[in-house]
Protein backbone atom coordinates (compact mmCIF):
# COMPACT_ATOMS: atom_id res chain seq x y z
CA MET A 1 84.51 -33.21 -38.31
CA THR A 2 86.87 -30.51 -39.17
CA THR A 3 90.74 -31.45 -38.14
CA THR A 4 92.83 -28.30 -37.43
CA MET A 5 96.66 -27.86 -37.85
CA ASP A 6 97.70 -29.01 -34.39
CA GLY A 7 95.20 -32.03 -34.30
CA ASP A 8 92.47 -30.05 -32.44
CA GLN A 9 89.32 -31.58 -33.22
CA ARG A 10 86.69 -29.19 -33.55
CA SER A 11 82.49 -30.31 -33.99
CA GLY A 12 80.30 -28.33 -36.30
CA SER A 13 80.96 -24.24 -36.00
CA ALA A 14 80.82 -23.55 -32.74
CA ASP A 15 83.75 -21.67 -30.86
CA ARG A 16 85.74 -24.22 -28.56
CA ARG A 17 88.38 -22.26 -27.75
CA LEU A 18 87.56 -22.83 -23.73
CA LEU A 19 87.68 -26.63 -22.77
CA PRO A 20 84.47 -28.09 -22.30
CA ARG A 21 83.18 -28.66 -18.54
CA ASP A 22 81.70 -31.61 -16.85
CA ASP A 23 78.75 -29.57 -14.94
CA LEU A 24 77.83 -26.84 -16.64
CA GLY A 25 75.72 -26.06 -13.84
CA ARG A 26 78.45 -24.91 -11.56
CA ARG A 27 78.73 -21.53 -13.91
CA ARG A 28 75.54 -20.33 -11.82
CA ASP A 29 77.07 -21.29 -8.39
CA ASP A 30 80.21 -19.66 -9.34
CA LEU A 31 77.88 -16.36 -10.29
CA ALA A 32 76.25 -16.52 -6.91
CA GLY A 33 79.36 -16.93 -5.01
CA SER A 34 81.10 -13.79 -6.62
CA GLY A 35 77.86 -11.31 -6.34
CA ILE A 36 77.70 -8.13 -4.62
CA LEU A 37 76.78 -7.97 -1.24
CA SER A 38 73.07 -6.64 -0.51
CA GLU A 39 72.76 -3.29 1.02
CA GLU A 40 71.60 -4.89 4.47
CA GLU A 41 74.80 -7.06 4.34
CA GLU A 42 77.26 -4.21 3.45
CA SER A 43 75.80 -2.24 6.38
CA ALA A 44 75.77 -5.00 9.04
CA LEU A 45 79.85 -5.72 7.91
CA ARG A 46 80.18 -1.77 8.12
CA LEU A 47 78.77 -1.52 11.50
CA LYS A 48 80.86 -4.54 12.54
CA ARG A 49 84.42 -3.11 11.06
CA LEU A 50 83.29 0.76 12.81
CA SER A 51 82.61 -1.36 16.33
CA LEU A 52 85.87 -2.89 16.27
CA HIS A 53 87.84 0.13 15.54
CA TYR A 54 85.80 1.93 18.52
CA VAL A 55 86.89 -1.11 20.91
CA LEU A 56 90.62 -0.83 19.81
CA MET A 57 90.25 2.68 19.93
CA PHE A 58 88.74 2.86 23.48
CA ALA A 59 91.41 0.12 24.67
CA ALA A 60 94.32 2.25 23.72
CA VAL A 61 92.58 5.44 25.29
CA LEU A 62 92.44 3.43 28.21
CA MET A 63 96.00 2.03 28.28
CA VAL A 64 97.34 5.33 27.92
CA SER A 65 95.20 6.90 30.72
CA VAL A 66 96.35 4.14 33.14
CA VAL A 67 99.87 4.78 32.05
CA THR A 68 99.79 8.26 32.45
CA VAL A 69 97.95 8.20 35.86
CA SER A 70 100.58 5.76 37.03
CA THR A 71 103.71 7.63 35.55
CA GLY A 72 102.07 10.80 37.33
CA ASN A 73 101.52 9.35 40.76
CA HIS A 74 104.95 7.61 41.11
CA LYS A 75 106.51 11.59 39.71
CA TYR A 76 104.57 13.84 42.22
CA ALA A 77 104.49 11.01 45.30
CA PRO A 78 107.35 9.44 44.72
CA MET A 79 108.07 8.36 48.49
CA LEU A 80 104.84 6.33 48.22
CA HIS A 81 104.84 4.75 44.44
CA ASP A 82 108.60 5.17 43.10
CA THR A 83 110.54 2.29 44.36
CA GLN A 84 113.80 3.65 42.82
CA ARG A 85 113.45 6.97 44.81
CA ILE A 86 112.68 5.10 48.03
CA SER A 87 115.79 3.44 47.84
CA GLU A 88 117.61 6.34 46.98
CA ALA A 89 116.05 8.17 50.29
CA ALA A 90 117.53 4.99 52.43
CA GLU A 91 120.82 5.54 50.78
CA VAL A 92 120.98 9.22 51.83
CA LEU A 93 119.96 8.37 55.29
CA SER A 94 122.37 5.57 55.53
CA GLU A 95 125.24 8.16 54.60
CA GLY A 96 124.23 10.49 57.57
CA ARG A 97 122.16 12.93 55.66
CA ALA A 98 118.18 13.72 56.05
CA TYR A 99 115.82 13.35 53.33
CA LEU A 100 112.63 15.75 52.91
CA THR A 101 109.49 14.29 51.78
CA TYR A 102 105.92 16.71 51.25
CA ASP A 103 104.40 14.07 54.22
CA LEU A 104 104.45 10.92 56.06
CA ASN A 105 102.01 9.38 53.67
CA ILE A 106 105.03 7.27 52.48
CA GLU A 107 106.05 3.91 51.88
CA THR A 108 107.77 2.97 55.36
CA ARG A 109 108.61 -0.60 54.77
CA GLN A 110 110.55 -0.74 51.67
CA LEU A 111 112.11 2.42 53.36
CA ARG A 112 113.02 0.77 56.23
CA GLU A 113 114.45 -2.69 54.75
CA GLU A 114 116.75 -0.59 52.94
CA HIS A 115 117.97 1.68 55.36
CA ILE A 116 118.65 -1.43 57.77
CA LYS A 117 120.41 -3.19 54.73
CA SER A 118 122.65 -0.06 54.13
CA LEU A 119 123.73 0.86 57.84
CA LYS A 120 127.21 1.17 58.41
CA ARG A 121 127.07 -0.61 61.69
CA THR A 122 125.40 -2.44 64.04
CA PRO A 123 123.32 -0.61 66.37
CA GLU A 124 123.59 -1.06 70.08
CA LEU A 125 119.74 -0.20 70.63
CA ALA A 126 117.07 -0.24 68.14
CA VAL A 127 113.40 0.34 68.47
CA MET A 128 110.38 -1.39 66.89
CA GLY A 129 106.68 -0.60 66.62
CA ALA A 130 104.33 2.07 64.69
CA SER A 131 104.22 5.21 63.94
CA HIS A 132 103.51 5.94 67.78
CA TRP A 133 107.72 5.84 67.45
CA GLN A 134 108.05 8.22 64.77
CA GLU A 135 109.07 11.26 66.93
CA GLY A 136 111.62 8.98 68.65
CA HIS A 137 114.87 10.92 68.16
CA GLU A 138 118.38 9.56 69.16
CA VAL A 139 118.46 12.32 71.73
CA ILE A 140 116.43 10.02 73.62
CA ALA A 141 118.80 7.61 74.13
CA PRO A 142 121.88 9.65 75.05
CA GLY A 143 125.43 7.61 74.70
CA VAL A 144 124.02 5.06 72.80
CA ASP A 145 124.14 3.91 69.01
CA TYR A 146 120.44 3.94 68.65
CA TYR A 147 118.37 3.26 65.69
CA ASN A 148 114.43 3.76 65.06
CA ALA A 149 113.15 0.79 63.02
CA HIS A 150 109.74 2.08 63.19
CA ILE A 151 106.88 1.88 60.40
CA HIS A 152 103.29 2.80 59.80
CA ARG A 153 100.36 0.42 61.33
CA ASP A 154 102.28 -2.18 62.20
CA TYR A 155 101.01 -5.87 62.89
CA TYR A 156 102.47 -8.77 63.89
CA GLU A 157 103.93 -10.04 60.43
CA ASP A 158 106.05 -6.62 60.77
CA ILE A 159 107.76 -7.96 63.73
CA VAL A 160 108.52 -11.18 61.59
CA GLY A 161 109.55 -8.92 58.62
CA VAL A 162 111.25 -6.19 60.62
CA VAL A 163 113.37 -8.65 62.42
CA GLY A 164 114.17 -10.44 59.33
CA SER A 165 115.49 -7.38 57.70
CA PHE A 166 118.12 -6.73 60.53
CA TYR A 167 118.66 -10.58 60.80
CA GLU A 168 119.56 -10.60 56.35
CA ALA A 169 121.56 -7.38 56.86
CA GLY A 170 123.72 -9.15 59.63
CA ARG A 171 122.90 -6.04 62.10
CA LEU A 172 120.80 -7.79 64.80
CA PRO A 173 121.33 -4.97 67.54
CA GLU A 174 122.44 -6.00 70.82
CA THR A 175 119.18 -4.78 72.57
CA LEU A 176 115.78 -4.60 70.91
CA VAL A 177 112.57 -2.90 71.89
CA ILE A 178 109.80 -4.15 70.44
CA SER A 179 106.15 -2.64 70.91
CA ILE A 180 103.09 -4.89 71.12
CA ARG A 181 100.22 -2.51 70.57
CA ASP A 182 96.41 -2.96 71.12
CA ASN A 183 95.90 -4.31 67.31
CA GLN A 184 99.30 -6.48 66.89
CA PHE A 185 97.51 -9.79 66.86
CA LEU A 186 94.31 -8.25 64.82
CA PRO A 187 93.72 -11.08 62.03
CA VAL A 188 93.94 -10.03 58.63
CA SER A 189 90.15 -10.37 57.95
CA ALA A 190 89.34 -7.80 60.98
CA ARG A 191 91.89 -5.11 59.40
CA THR A 192 90.28 -2.05 57.62
CA ASP A 193 93.79 -0.94 56.51
CA PHE A 194 96.22 -1.84 53.91
CA LEU A 195 99.49 0.10 55.15
CA TRP A 196 100.75 -3.29 56.14
CA THR A 197 100.73 -4.93 52.78
CA PRO A 198 104.26 -3.74 51.47
CA GLY A 199 105.82 -6.02 54.06
CA LEU A 200 104.29 -9.41 52.91
CA GLU A 201 107.18 -10.53 50.99
CA ALA A 202 109.71 -9.83 54.20
CA TYR A 203 107.34 -11.71 56.20
CA ARG A 204 107.08 -14.91 54.45
CA ARG A 205 110.69 -14.48 53.74
CA MET A 206 111.30 -14.72 57.50
CA ALA A 207 108.49 -16.99 58.36
CA ARG A 208 110.13 -19.44 56.14
CA ARG A 209 113.61 -19.29 57.36
CA LEU A 210 112.01 -19.99 60.90
CA GLY A 211 109.38 -22.86 59.61
CA LEU A 212 106.58 -21.26 60.23
CA PRO A 213 103.28 -21.71 58.40
CA HIS A 214 102.24 -18.42 57.27
CA HIS A 215 98.91 -16.67 55.70
CA VAL A 216 98.76 -15.75 51.85
CA ALA A 217 96.93 -12.94 51.71
CA TYR A 218 97.37 -11.08 48.60
CA ALA A 219 99.85 -13.65 47.13
CA HIS A 220 98.84 -12.63 43.91
CA GLY A 221 100.33 -9.21 44.26
CA LEU A 222 97.46 -7.26 43.62
CA THR A 223 97.46 -5.25 46.72
CA PRO A 224 94.88 -2.33 47.67
CA GLN A 225 97.96 -0.11 46.77
CA LEU A 226 97.50 -0.15 43.02
CA ARG A 227 94.39 1.76 43.40
CA GLN A 228 96.24 4.47 44.85
CA GLU A 229 98.78 4.46 42.42
CA LEU A 230 96.15 4.51 39.21
CA SER A 231 93.48 6.79 41.30
CA LEU A 232 93.09 10.29 39.20
CA PRO A 233 91.65 12.23 42.13
CA LEU A 234 95.08 11.26 43.89
CA LEU A 235 97.26 12.52 40.93
CA ALA A 236 95.10 15.75 40.66
CA ALA A 237 95.89 16.33 44.82
CA ASN A 238 99.39 15.27 44.40
CA LEU A 239 99.75 17.62 40.90
CA GLU A 240 98.10 20.52 43.26
CA ARG A 241 100.65 19.70 46.16
CA ASP A 242 103.78 19.81 44.05
CA PHE A 243 102.89 23.18 42.27
CA ALA A 244 102.25 24.85 45.40
CA SER A 245 105.52 23.47 46.96
CA PRO A 246 108.51 25.49 46.62
CA VAL A 247 111.02 23.09 47.56
CA LYS A 248 110.62 19.62 46.27
CA PRO A 249 111.53 16.10 48.32
CA GLY A 250 115.26 15.21 48.44
CA PRO A 251 118.06 15.18 50.24
CA ARG A 252 118.52 18.03 52.69
CA PRO A 253 121.55 20.14 53.48
CA ALA A 254 123.56 18.85 56.22
CA ASP A 255 123.77 22.12 58.17
CA ALA A 256 120.05 22.30 58.62
CA ALA A 257 119.25 18.67 59.17
CA THR A 258 118.04 18.78 62.85
CA ALA A 259 115.51 22.02 62.98
CA PRO A 260 112.34 21.80 61.30
CA HIS A 261 111.99 22.55 57.70
CA PRO A 262 109.41 25.34 57.13
CA THR A 263 106.90 23.13 54.68
CA LEU A 264 108.51 19.69 54.39
CA SER A 265 108.38 16.92 56.73
CA THR A 266 112.13 15.32 57.52
CA LEU A 267 113.48 11.79 57.36
CA LEU A 268 116.42 11.39 60.06
CA PRO A 269 119.51 9.37 59.61
CA ASP A 270 118.55 7.91 62.87
CA GLY A 271 115.02 6.36 61.46
CA SER A 272 112.88 9.25 63.20
CA ILE A 273 111.22 12.14 61.68
CA LEU A 274 110.59 15.93 62.33
CA TRP A 275 107.52 17.64 61.43
CA SER A 276 107.46 20.70 59.30
CA VAL A 277 106.96 23.88 61.08
CA ILE A 278 103.51 24.27 59.49
CA GLN A 279 102.86 20.88 60.43
CA GLU A 280 103.81 21.98 64.14
CA GLN A 281 101.85 24.94 64.17
CA SER A 282 98.52 22.83 63.41
CA TYR A 283 98.86 20.37 66.37
CA THR A 284 97.11 22.60 68.58
CA GLN A 285 95.83 21.35 72.09
CA GLU A 286 92.02 21.78 70.70
CA ARG A 287 92.90 19.73 67.94
CA THR A 288 94.50 16.71 69.54
CA ARG A 289 91.32 16.73 72.00
CA ARG A 290 89.10 16.63 69.46
CA LEU A 291 90.66 13.73 67.74
CA SER A 292 91.51 11.96 71.00
CA LEU A 293 87.62 11.63 72.03
CA GLU A 294 86.76 10.95 68.20
CA PHE A 295 89.18 8.33 68.32
CA ALA A 296 87.99 6.98 71.39
CA ALA A 297 84.15 6.90 70.38
CA GLU A 298 85.35 4.79 67.50
CA LYS A 299 87.28 2.25 69.32
CA ARG A 300 85.49 1.57 72.32
CA HIS A 301 83.33 -1.33 71.20
CA GLN A 302 86.39 -2.92 69.15
CA GLN A 303 86.77 -6.49 69.86
CA LEU A 304 90.28 -7.22 70.03
CA VAL A 305 90.73 -10.41 68.79
CA VAL A 306 94.20 -12.34 68.73
CA ASP A 307 94.96 -14.40 65.61
CA PRO A 308 96.48 -17.67 66.97
CA LEU A 309 99.03 -17.57 64.05
CA GLY A 310 100.03 -14.13 65.12
CA LEU A 311 100.88 -14.86 68.83
CA ARG A 312 102.72 -18.04 67.38
CA SER A 313 104.84 -16.12 65.08
CA VAL A 314 105.83 -13.34 67.56
CA ASP A 315 106.76 -16.17 69.73
CA ARG A 316 109.06 -17.98 67.62
CA VAL A 317 110.89 -14.71 66.75
CA LEU A 318 111.39 -13.88 69.97
CA ALA A 319 112.61 -17.36 70.73
CA PHE A 320 115.03 -16.55 67.40
CA LEU A 321 116.39 -13.62 69.31
CA ALA A 322 116.70 -14.93 72.52
CA GLU A 323 119.04 -17.71 70.81
CA ARG A 324 121.14 -15.08 69.03
CA GLY A 325 121.55 -13.52 72.49
CA VAL A 326 119.66 -10.31 71.57
CA LYS A 327 118.43 -8.73 74.93
CA VAL A 328 114.90 -7.60 73.65
CA TYR A 329 112.40 -5.62 75.90
CA LEU A 330 108.49 -5.54 75.08
CA ALA A 331 106.75 -1.85 75.16
CA HIS A 332 103.62 -0.62 75.49
CA PRO A 333 103.20 2.71 73.69
CA PRO A 334 101.24 5.15 76.08
CA PHE A 335 97.86 6.48 74.79
CA ASN A 336 96.95 10.21 74.96
CA PRO A 337 95.22 10.89 78.81
CA THR A 338 92.08 12.10 77.03
CA TYR A 339 91.65 8.87 75.11
CA TRP A 340 92.51 6.94 77.70
CA ALA A 341 89.58 8.37 80.14
CA ALA A 342 87.20 8.10 77.75
CA VAL A 343 87.78 4.34 76.70
CA GLN A 344 87.66 3.41 80.60
CA GLY A 345 84.99 0.61 81.07
CA SER A 346 84.47 -0.64 77.35
CA PRO A 347 84.96 -3.81 75.98
CA TYR A 348 88.12 -2.55 73.74
CA MET A 349 89.61 -1.99 77.31
CA GLU A 350 88.81 -5.72 77.83
CA GLY A 351 90.58 -6.55 74.97
CA LEU A 352 93.63 -4.34 75.98
CA LYS A 353 94.16 -5.63 79.31
CA ASN A 354 94.31 -9.38 77.64
CA ILE A 355 97.03 -7.79 75.24
CA GLU A 356 98.85 -6.81 78.70
CA ARG A 357 98.58 -10.00 79.62
CA ILE A 358 99.83 -12.07 76.57
CA THR A 359 102.74 -9.82 76.56
CA GLN A 360 103.56 -10.47 80.32
CA ASP A 361 103.49 -14.00 79.37
CA LEU A 362 106.08 -13.72 76.33
CA ALA A 363 108.40 -11.70 78.42
CA ALA A 364 108.28 -13.82 81.35
CA LYS A 365 108.87 -17.01 78.99
CA TYR A 366 112.37 -15.54 77.96
CA GLY A 367 113.19 -13.67 81.31
CA TRP A 368 112.66 -10.20 79.87
CA LYS A 369 110.95 -7.09 81.05
CA VAL A 370 108.01 -5.10 79.83
CA VAL A 371 108.63 -1.45 79.57
CA GLY A 372 105.88 1.44 79.13
CA SER A 373 102.63 1.08 79.65
CA PHE A 374 99.14 1.89 77.68
CA ASN A 375 98.51 4.06 80.58
CA PRO A 376 100.00 7.25 79.98
CA HIS A 377 99.60 8.10 83.94
CA ASP A 378 102.68 5.20 84.66
CA LEU A 379 104.84 7.12 82.94
CA GLY A 380 103.93 10.80 83.53
CA CYS A 381 103.01 11.59 79.81
CA VAL A 382 100.32 14.70 79.59
CA ASP A 383 98.07 15.83 76.90
CA GLU A 384 100.60 18.56 75.92
CA MET A 385 102.94 15.66 74.81
CA TYR A 386 100.81 14.16 71.96
CA ILE A 387 99.49 15.23 68.95
CA ASP A 388 96.32 12.95 68.63
CA ALA A 389 95.30 9.81 70.61
CA GLU A 390 98.41 8.00 70.24
CA HIS A 391 101.11 9.63 68.96
CA SER A 392 103.44 11.38 71.48
CA GLY A 393 106.58 13.69 71.41
CA PRO A 394 110.04 12.81 72.23
CA GLU A 395 109.54 13.52 75.85
CA CYS A 396 106.97 10.80 76.70
CA LEU A 397 109.14 8.49 74.50
CA LYS A 398 112.23 8.74 76.30
CA ARG A 399 110.10 7.43 79.26
CA ILE A 400 110.74 4.41 78.04
CA ILE A 401 113.65 4.04 76.95
CA ASP A 402 114.86 5.58 80.32
CA GLN A 403 113.12 2.40 81.79
CA VAL A 404 115.62 0.45 79.23
CA LEU A 405 118.84 2.05 79.67
CA GLU A 406 118.36 2.21 83.79
CA ASP A 407 117.48 -1.87 83.46
CA GLN A 408 120.64 -2.18 81.37
CA ASN A 409 122.86 -0.01 83.62
CA LYS A 410 121.29 -2.06 86.77
CA LEU A 411 122.35 -5.58 84.77
CA ALA A 412 126.18 -3.93 84.21
CA ARG A 413 126.53 -3.12 87.84
CA ASN A 414 125.12 -6.37 89.22
CA ALA A 415 127.56 -8.25 86.69
CA PRO A 416 130.91 -9.82 87.63
CA THR A 417 134.07 -7.80 87.28
CA GLY A 418 135.28 -7.59 83.86
CA GLU A 419 131.56 -8.99 82.04
CA ARG A 420 129.87 -7.08 80.01
CA SER A 421 131.33 -3.48 80.64
CA ASN A 422 130.60 -2.50 77.38
CA ASP A 423 127.05 -2.81 77.69
CA VAL A 424 127.04 0.52 80.26
CA PHE A 425 124.66 3.26 79.26
CA PHE A 426 124.54 6.76 80.60
CA LEU A 427 121.01 8.54 81.33
């Protein structure tokens, strides 16, 4: 045995610069663990990395595409998708100015709520209903501070929600005309459209205020409108329309607000609309008759189901209005005479008679009146006043308001001297 200068003992002549290992066999394990991958393993690993790369790339492309389509639809259909532009339009209307839009494929519920919120004064008379009121201009209520609170395709939730908007804004009208149409109480499960879903928040807000039970349809917020917002074909159509239009949506000069615009629809400060010249020219009598008959064929066998929740909700809203001294008229908007004749004797007509009975019962409960009629002949409305089966012009709508104003004047004349003198309207 040899002893080194630093005291390290070495045995024999072997090189012992490395410390001895207890388990010499682990050298083979270490070597196996650090060996090179086989070709098959290397190929599999490369494939996994490549697959992950493509998945991430696809996700990125998909996300960019979704954002691009959504942004494009917001830009080129602003009155349908862009909440900021809708609010700006409502502000323009509240200032007494008109607003131009490509067409009436717009989000009317937000527009209505924002407009009511920004009204400068409380209307003496307001009308509520669906698009059958869209041409109800202020001239149909002469001498009256009038507001048109119509929206598109209303259901019972909208009666709750729009009344709630008036109340929250402190603008409950002195007199309110509320339309009750054929599908007013249709259950959610029986509906085939989704225009009503943007009004759900206002509906639930007012329902909670009234202590009403309310349904939770689309409570997650994923309404079908998202499909429109993310639709590539709609983006293409919106782009084509925008590029072809020499005038873009926006405020309309005050000096031209009461005349039809050549190419764009006009939203008026009173809440009604004006068709463009091009649209007016397309509404021929031949087209009106064809659409009326097609719609009648579609509706003849419809069962007009009444949702008990809807009936209870409207009843409670009417009680709410009565408690606050609002004079309410329930109104039936008249149908086109051609359509009316075509649905006679059908299951649909039986349902319509039930809606009339319900409306009469509600009016009688609160001592109010029913004005208008589903039957156009009761009001003297003729085919030439319509653009389709349901939508009439101001000439027909004025006949409903005439009934309201006549009743108001009668009440004022019969009131004791000195009472309600401010409620006299002039026909």
